[in-house]
Amino acid sequence: MKTERKIFGFTIVELLTVMAVIAMLMGLLVPALNLVRRLAKDTNQRAEFHSIDVALETYVNEGENQPYPASKALVTSSKYTVGAQRLTEALLGRDLVGLDPNTSWDAKLDEDKTDVYASKAKGSSQSLINASLARRQGPYLNPGNAEAFQVGQLFTSTSITSNVYDGSKAPAPVLTDVYRVKKVVSNGRTSMAGTPILYYRANVSSLTFPDVNDHTTLPTPDCNDIYCSRDNDELLALGQVQDQTLDQYFYSGYTDLVTNHDGGWIFYNAITNKQIAGKARPYNMTSYILISAGPDGIYGTRDDICNFK
């Protein structure tokens, strides 16, 4: 007697159903994984700010009545040294081996001084190099872990139109955040760099602060407010690290087409403590503000990471 053999398998409908379920699960899983990665990065950025906080407190405590480093941009021969660079110099030194206390804080001014940050590149004698190394303070951050880059590594040379100082004899690096957005080459090694960390020190002798609800009084370039939006303006003028053709929203030359407010007002709005009713007041009125542009690389957007919220 002849028997029939049954062949078992999936029908096309069953296969399509399984594939649809898998696609739905992937659609749910991928955003969740991206969110986890984003939260991990945000946590790392807050940890970096904590390290900078500790380093700044150590910097202050090791000096005699030494305040937090100033953030006001300095200019010599149209070459600016901005707040972000002055923070990095205080914590690491311009050559990342410690702060030379003989600094003028103006990198361009110190370029031809063979005794300040003495080095072979500046034509310094070995005795001057040894003397400079002997008087160094810090570094207050671990140079091996700190992500510090020269401005010229983050921005193309043709885009450095606002003359942020980036000399070879007396470099002026900036600390960058953990959201690595650009490939750079440093000393023959390729690495990924983030967006510069902006640093603003509070003017504790000031009682004035712009009210973002009253735009009749515009902040001046040399403002004497508790915080000055112009402290990193020349750096912001270079645009976004990942695309220098795009504006940074904190830059004074940027205009919001919806509100018609310039970047200074966007900055002040970002640092205004909305919980204080009545008179406009910023966060961290007696210390300093640190700002990371977040994963989108744009200051003044919702994904910014700051040391005050």
Protein backbone atom coordinates (compact mmCIF):
# COMPACT_ATOMS: atom_id res chain seq x y z
CA MET A 1 0.00 0.00 0.00
CA LYS A 2 1.38 3.38 -1.01
CA THR A 3 1.56 6.02 1.75
CA GLU A 4 1.61 9.80 1.26
CA ARG A 5 4.45 11.84 2.75
CA LYS A 6 3.45 15.20 4.19
CA ILE A 7 5.88 18.05 3.69
CA PHE A 8 5.88 20.53 6.56
CA GLY A 9 6.84 24.20 6.08
CA PHE A 10 5.74 27.82 6.43
CA THR A 11 3.30 29.41 4.12
CA ILE A 12 4.06 32.76 2.55
CA VAL A 13 1.49 34.39 4.83
CA GLU A 14 3.18 32.97 7.93
CA LEU A 15 6.60 34.16 6.75
CA LEU A 16 5.28 37.64 6.05
CA THR A 17 3.65 37.73 9.47
CA VAL A 18 6.88 36.73 11.22
CA MET A 19 8.85 39.30 9.24
CA ALA A 20 6.32 41.98 10.12
CA VAL A 21 6.60 41.14 13.83
CA ILE A 22 10.41 41.25 13.64
CA ALA A 23 10.27 44.61 11.87
CA MET A 24 7.95 45.97 14.57
CA LEU A 25 10.27 44.74 17.31
CA MET A 26 13.28 46.31 15.59
CA GLY A 27 11.32 49.53 15.25
CA LEU A 28 10.82 49.54 19.01
CA LEU A 29 14.32 48.36 19.89
CA VAL A 30 16.45 50.72 17.77
CA PRO A 31 15.02 53.97 19.26
CA ALA A 32 15.42 52.46 22.74
CA LEU A 33 19.07 51.64 22.05
CA ASN A 34 19.65 55.13 20.64
CA LEU A 35 18.09 56.62 23.77
CA VAL A 36 20.36 54.51 25.99
CA ARG A 37 23.41 55.67 24.02
CA ARG A 38 22.27 59.27 24.27
CA LEU A 39 21.73 59.00 28.04
CA ALA A 40 25.16 57.42 28.42
CA LYS A 41 26.76 60.30 26.51
CA ASP A 42 24.86 62.88 28.55
CA THR A 43 26.03 61.17 31.74
CA ASN A 44 29.63 61.23 30.48
CA GLN A 45 29.32 64.94 29.72
CA ARG A 46 28.03 65.70 33.19
CA ALA A 47 30.91 63.66 34.59
CA GLU A 48 33.32 65.78 32.54
CA PHE A 49 31.77 68.93 33.98
CA HIS A 50 32.16 67.47 37.48
CA SER A 51 35.86 66.88 36.78
CA ILE A 52 36.21 70.49 35.61
CA ASP A 53 34.36 71.70 38.74
CA VAL A 54 36.79 69.79 40.97
CA ALA A 55 39.77 71.02 38.96
CA LEU A 56 38.64 74.65 39.21
CA GLU A 57 38.16 74.38 42.96
CA THR A 58 41.68 72.93 43.26
CA TYR A 59 43.00 75.74 41.08
CA VAL A 60 41.35 78.33 43.34
CA ASN A 61 42.43 76.69 46.60
CA GLU A 62 46.08 76.36 45.58
CA GLY A 63 46.44 80.07 44.92
CA GLU A 64 46.47 82.89 47.45
CA ASN A 65 43.09 84.62 47.09
CA GLN A 66 43.06 83.29 43.53
CA PRO A 67 39.66 83.70 41.86
CA TYR A 68 38.25 81.54 39.12
CA PRO A 69 40.04 82.27 35.83
CA ALA A 70 38.56 85.22 33.98
CA SER A 71 36.63 84.55 30.78
CA LYS A 72 36.65 87.95 29.09
CA ALA A 73 38.14 87.70 25.60
CA LEU A 74 41.53 89.40 25.26
CA VAL A 75 42.76 90.85 21.99
CA THR A 76 46.26 91.70 20.78
CA SER A 77 46.87 92.67 17.14
CA SER A 78 43.35 91.47 16.25
CA LYS A 79 44.11 88.03 17.70
CA TYR A 80 41.59 86.97 20.33
CA THR A 81 42.05 84.65 23.30
CA VAL A 82 38.51 83.72 24.37
CA GLY A 83 36.99 82.39 27.58
CA ALA A 84 37.09 78.75 26.48
CA GLN A 85 40.85 79.05 25.88
CA ARG A 86 41.47 80.77 29.22
CA LEU A 87 39.68 77.95 31.05
CA THR A 88 41.87 75.34 29.34
CA GLU A 89 45.04 77.29 30.10
CA ALA A 90 44.14 77.55 33.78
CA LEU A 91 43.52 73.82 34.17
CA LEU A 92 46.10 72.36 31.77
CA GLY A 93 48.42 75.10 30.56
CA ARG A 94 48.83 75.95 26.89
CA ASP A 95 51.17 73.00 26.36
CA LEU A 96 49.08 70.68 28.61
CA VAL A 97 51.83 70.33 31.23
CA GLY A 98 50.53 72.93 33.68
CA LEU A 99 49.81 76.64 34.01
CA ASP A 100 52.78 78.99 33.78
CA PRO A 101 51.94 81.65 36.43
CA ASN A 102 53.90 84.25 34.46
CA THR A 103 51.24 84.17 31.74
CA SER A 104 49.47 87.33 30.61
CA TRP A 105 46.51 85.08 29.65
CA ASP A 106 46.74 86.66 26.20
CA ALA A 107 48.26 83.95 24.00
CA LYS A 108 49.17 86.33 21.18
CA LEU A 109 50.89 88.71 23.60
CA ASP A 110 52.95 85.85 25.04
CA GLU A 111 53.92 84.43 21.64
CA ASP A 112 57.32 86.11 21.42
CA LYS A 113 58.14 85.92 25.14
CA THR A 114 60.73 83.18 25.35
CA ASP A 115 60.36 82.79 29.13
CA VAL A 116 56.55 82.25 29.32
CA TYR A 117 55.70 78.65 28.37
CA ALA A 118 59.32 78.37 27.28
CA SER A 119 59.94 75.81 24.54
CA LYS A 120 62.26 74.99 21.70
CA ALA A 121 59.56 76.14 19.27
CA LYS A 122 59.83 79.63 20.78
CA GLY A 123 63.62 79.59 20.64
CA SER A 124 63.91 79.45 24.44
CA SER A 125 67.15 78.41 26.08
CA GLN A 126 67.19 75.20 28.10
CA SER A 127 67.55 77.24 31.31
CA LEU A 128 64.33 79.15 30.50
CA ILE A 129 62.55 75.90 29.68
CA ASN A 130 63.64 74.40 32.99
CA ALA A 131 62.58 77.53 34.88
CA SER A 132 59.16 77.52 33.22
CA LEU A 133 58.60 73.85 34.03
CA ALA A 134 59.69 74.40 37.65
CA ARG A 135 57.11 77.11 38.33
CA ARG A 136 54.14 75.35 36.70
CA GLN A 137 50.85 74.91 38.55
CA GLY A 138 48.81 71.76 37.98
CA PRO A 139 47.78 70.40 35.58
CA TYR A 140 44.47 70.15 37.41
CA LEU A 141 42.95 67.80 34.84
CA ASN A 142 44.52 64.57 33.65
CA PRO A 143 46.07 65.50 30.28
CA GLY A 144 45.66 61.92 29.14
CA ASN A 145 41.89 62.06 29.62
CA ALA A 146 41.20 65.71 28.84
CA GLU A 147 39.98 66.29 25.30
CA ALA A 148 41.86 69.44 24.35
CA PHE A 149 42.37 70.61 20.77
CA GLN A 150 43.67 73.66 18.95
CA VAL A 151 41.09 75.88 17.26
CA GLY A 152 42.73 75.20 13.90
CA GLN A 153 42.17 71.48 14.37
CA LEU A 154 38.44 71.98 14.88
CA PHE A 155 37.89 74.60 12.18
CA THR A 156 39.44 74.91 8.73
CA SER A 157 42.03 77.64 8.33
CA THR A 158 39.88 79.53 5.80
CA SER A 159 37.00 79.68 8.27
CA ILE A 160 39.02 81.30 11.06
CA THR A 161 37.91 84.78 10.05
CA SER A 162 37.40 86.21 13.52
CA ASN A 163 41.06 85.65 14.42
CA VAL A 164 40.75 83.34 17.42
CA TYR A 165 44.37 82.79 18.40
CA ASP A 166 45.86 79.47 17.27
CA GLY A 167 49.61 80.07 17.15
CA SER A 168 52.30 77.43 16.85
CA LYS A 169 54.75 79.02 19.28
CA ALA A 170 52.19 79.75 21.99
CA PRO A 171 49.13 77.60 21.26
CA ALA A 172 45.80 78.19 22.96
CA PRO A 173 43.75 74.95 23.09
CA VAL A 174 40.11 74.52 24.05
CA LEU A 175 38.43 71.67 25.91
CA THR A 176 35.82 69.84 23.85
CA ASP A 177 32.75 67.86 24.90
CA VAL A 178 32.18 64.10 24.61
CA TYR A 179 29.90 64.31 21.55
CA ARG A 180 32.60 63.61 19.00
CA VAL A 181 31.55 65.22 15.72
CA LYS A 182 34.76 65.71 13.75
CA LYS A 183 37.84 63.70 12.83
CA VAL A 184 41.08 65.55 13.51
CA VAL A 185 44.76 64.69 13.15
CA SER A 186 47.05 65.60 16.04
CA ASN A 187 50.75 64.63 16.14
CA GLY A 188 50.15 62.05 13.45
CA ARG A 189 47.31 60.43 15.35
CA THR A 190 43.71 60.54 14.17
CA SER A 191 41.00 61.07 16.77
CA MET A 192 37.45 62.36 17.06
CA ALA A 193 36.86 65.79 18.60
CA GLY A 194 33.73 67.32 20.05
CA THR A 195 32.49 70.91 20.17
CA PRO A 196 34.33 73.42 22.42
CA ILE A 197 33.10 73.77 26.00
CA LEU A 198 32.11 77.39 26.58
CA TYR A 199 33.24 79.01 29.83
CA TYR A 200 31.83 82.21 31.34
CA ARG A 201 32.89 83.58 34.73
CA ALA A 202 30.44 85.59 36.80
CA ASN A 203 31.21 89.22 37.53
CA VAL A 204 30.48 89.14 41.25
CA SER A 205 30.77 92.93 41.55
CA SER A 206 27.89 93.47 39.13
CA LEU A 207 24.18 93.59 39.97
CA THR A 208 22.90 93.99 36.41
CA PHE A 209 21.65 91.27 34.12
CA PRO A 210 19.62 91.60 30.89
CA ASP A 211 15.94 90.75 31.17
CA VAL A 212 14.97 88.55 28.22
CA ASN A 213 11.38 89.79 28.59
CA ASP A 214 12.50 93.38 28.01
CA HIS A 215 14.50 93.85 24.80
CA THR A 216 14.50 97.63 24.95
CA THR A 217 17.93 97.61 26.63
CA LEU A 218 20.43 95.76 24.49
CA PRO A 219 23.60 94.23 26.00
CA THR A 220 26.75 96.05 24.90
CA PRO A 221 29.86 94.32 23.49
CA ASP A 222 31.88 95.32 26.57
CA CYS A 223 29.04 94.59 28.96
CA ASN A 224 29.53 94.79 32.68
CA ASP A 225 26.68 92.44 33.53
CA ILE A 226 26.90 89.43 35.84
CA TYR A 227 27.60 87.40 32.69
CA CYS A 228 28.74 88.72 29.32
CA SER A 229 27.56 86.93 26.18
CA ARG A 230 30.61 88.21 24.27
CA ASP A 231 33.25 86.25 26.22
CA ASN A 232 33.38 83.53 23.54
CA ASP A 233 31.92 85.47 20.62
CA GLU A 234 34.96 85.20 18.33
CA LEU A 235 34.93 81.42 18.75
CA LEU A 236 31.18 81.26 18.09
CA ALA A 237 31.71 83.31 14.93
CA LEU A 238 33.51 80.32 13.39
CA GLY A 239 30.22 78.42 13.12
CA GLN A 240 29.53 74.79 13.95
CA VAL A 241 32.40 72.32 14.15
CA GLN A 242 30.70 69.77 11.90
CA ASP A 243 29.75 72.43 9.33
CA GLN A 244 31.37 75.85 9.54
CA THR A 245 28.87 77.29 7.06
CA LEU A 246 26.14 77.03 9.73
CA ASP A 247 25.77 79.64 12.47
CA GLN A 248 25.96 79.12 16.20
CA TYR A 249 22.84 80.49 17.89
CA PHE A 250 24.83 82.20 20.70
CA TYR A 251 26.87 84.24 18.22
CA SER A 252 26.00 87.95 18.38
CA GLY A 253 25.91 88.07 14.59
CA TYR A 254 23.17 85.43 14.41
CA THR A 255 19.56 86.56 14.17
CA ASP A 256 16.58 84.40 15.04
CA LEU A 257 14.17 84.90 12.13
CA VAL A 258 11.16 84.13 14.34
CA THR A 259 11.87 86.47 17.26
CA ASN A 260 14.30 88.78 15.43
CA HIS A 261 16.61 88.57 18.47
CA ASP A 262 20.36 88.22 18.10
CA GLY A 263 22.46 85.44 19.59
CA GLY A 264 23.24 87.43 22.71
CA TRP A 265 19.59 87.32 23.76
CA ILE A 266 19.46 83.59 23.05
CA PHE A 267 22.44 83.14 25.39
CA TYR A 268 20.87 85.22 28.16
CA ASN A 269 17.59 83.35 27.81
CA ALA A 270 19.45 80.03 28.18
CA ILE A 271 21.18 81.01 31.42
CA THR A 272 18.28 82.90 33.05
CA ASN A 273 16.94 81.15 36.14
CA LYS A 274 13.20 81.05 35.43
CA GLN A 275 12.44 80.01 39.02
CA ILE A 276 13.39 83.46 40.30
CA ALA A 277 10.36 85.72 40.02
CA GLY A 278 10.56 89.47 39.59
CA LYS A 279 14.08 90.56 38.68
CA ALA A 280 15.96 88.60 36.00
CA ARG A 281 18.84 86.61 37.46
CA PRO A 282 21.18 83.98 35.97
CA TYR A 283 22.20 80.60 37.30
CA ASN A 284 25.52 80.42 39.20
CA MET A 285 25.59 84.12 40.03
CA THR A 286 28.81 83.87 42.05
CA SER A 287 30.84 81.33 40.12
CA TYR A 288 30.87 80.31 36.46
CA ILE A 289 28.92 78.62 33.71
CA LEU A 290 29.99 75.71 31.50
CA ILE A 291 28.02 74.86 28.35
CA SER A 292 28.26 71.89 26.01
CA ALA A 293 26.43 72.13 22.68
CA GLY A 294 25.15 68.58 23.11
CA PRO A 295 24.86 65.95 20.35
CA ASP A 296 23.61 68.42 17.72
CA GLY A 297 26.71 70.63 18.14
CA ILE A 298 24.60 73.80 18.38
CA TYR A 299 24.58 76.01 21.48
CA GLY A 300 21.20 77.29 22.57
CA THR A 301 19.11 74.21 21.75
CA ARG A 302 17.22 71.82 24.03
CA ASP A 303 19.94 69.16 24.09
CA ASP A 304 22.61 71.45 25.58
CA ILE A 305 24.33 70.15 28.71
CA CYS A 306 25.23 72.81 31.31
CA ASN A 307 26.71 72.77 34.79
CA PHE A 308 23.61 74.38 36.28
CA LYS A 309 20.77 72.09 35.18
